[in-house]
């Protein structure tokens, strides 16, 4: 899951070295924190959140195939 999110995010941003994914295992679900540079936040979120919604949809579909639930949170690198 983590690798899939990294590949998708690195393809979207102009600074792929700043992309990092943190995995937090919950009781019933998996939380993936996608960290990108401040200059790439707009590219990952997209107009009206369309790109972010598409990323979340792809990740949910991949997780459903494994019988799991996943949540993607997008945060800015500090």
Protein backbone atom coordinates (compact mmCIF):
# COMPACT_ATOMS: atom_id res chain seq x y z
CA UNK A 1 0.00 0.00 0.00
CA UNK A 2 2.72 2.38 1.01
CA UNK A 3 4.69 1.77 -2.19
CA UNK A 4 1.63 2.37 -4.38
CA UNK A 5 0.95 5.73 -2.74
CA UNK A 6 4.61 6.74 -3.11
CA UNK A 7 4.65 5.90 -6.82
CA UNK A 8 1.44 7.84 -7.49
CA UNK A 9 2.57 10.87 -5.49
CA UNK A 10 6.07 10.99 -7.00
CA UNK A 11 4.54 10.99 -10.48
CA UNK A 12 2.49 14.09 -9.64
CA UNK A 13 4.99 16.35 -7.89
CA UNK A 14 7.91 18.39 -9.21
CA UNK A 15 10.15 17.47 -6.25
CA UNK A 16 9.83 13.68 -5.78
CA UNK A 17 12.61 13.62 -3.18
CA UNK A 18 10.34 15.49 -0.75
CA UNK A 19 7.64 12.79 -0.89
CA UNK A 20 7.37 10.63 2.21
CA UNK A 21 4.69 8.20 3.35
CA UNK A 22 4.15 7.37 7.01
CA UNK A 23 2.10 4.28 7.83
CA UNK A 24 -0.01 4.13 11.01
CA UNK A 25 -1.69 0.81 11.75
CA UNK A 26 -5.08 1.10 13.42
CA UNK A 27 -7.35 -1.60 14.82
CA UNK A 28 -9.56 -1.86 11.77
CA UNK A 29 -7.86 0.34 9.22
CA UNK A 30 -4.57 1.63 7.90
CA UNK A 31 -3.77 5.35 7.89
CA UNK A 32 -1.28 6.60 5.31
CA UNK A 33 0.16 10.08 5.80
CA UNK A 34 1.41 11.51 2.52
CA UNK A 35 3.97 14.26 3.09
CA UNK A 36 4.93 16.53 0.20
CA UNK A 37 6.83 19.80 -0.09
CA UNK A 38 4.92 23.06 0.29
CA UNK A 39 5.35 23.89 -3.41
CA UNK A 40 3.66 20.61 -4.40
CA UNK A 41 0.60 20.75 -2.14
CA UNK A 42 -1.56 22.24 -4.90
CA UNK A 43 -0.53 19.56 -7.37
CA UNK A 44 -1.43 16.75 -4.99
CA UNK A 45 -4.72 18.29 -3.89
CA UNK A 46 -5.83 19.60 -7.30
CA UNK A 47 -8.66 21.95 -8.15
CA UNK A 48 -11.47 21.54 -5.63
CA UNK A 49 -9.66 18.47 -4.24
CA UNK A 50 -10.20 16.34 -7.34
CA UNK A 51 -6.67 14.86 -7.45
CA UNK A 52 -6.72 14.10 -3.71
CA UNK A 53 -10.11 12.42 -4.09
CA UNK A 54 -8.79 10.33 -7.01
CA UNK A 55 -5.74 9.26 -4.98
CA UNK A 56 -7.98 8.23 -2.09
CA UNK A 57 -10.27 6.30 -4.44
CA UNK A 58 -7.36 4.34 -5.95
CA UNK A 59 -5.97 3.54 -2.51
CA UNK A 60 -9.39 2.43 -1.23
CA UNK A 61 -9.83 0.13 -4.23
CA UNK A 62 -6.38 -1.42 -3.69
CA UNK A 63 -7.12 -1.91 0.01
CA UNK A 64 -10.52 -3.45 -0.69
CA UNK A 65 -8.82 -6.04 -2.87
CA UNK A 66 -6.88 -7.11 0.25
CA UNK A 67 -9.99 -6.90 2.43
CA UNK A 68 -8.68 -3.86 4.34
CA UNK A 69 -9.65 -0.23 4.87
CA UNK A 70 -7.27 2.66 4.23
CA UNK A 71 -7.35 6.38 4.90
CA UNK A 72 -5.03 8.81 3.13
CA UNK A 73 -4.10 12.08 4.82
CA UNK A 74 -2.11 14.71 2.95
CA UNK A 75 0.22 16.83 5.08
CA UNK A 76 2.85 19.42 4.31
CA UNK A 77 6.51 18.73 5.06
CA UNK A 78 7.73 21.00 7.83
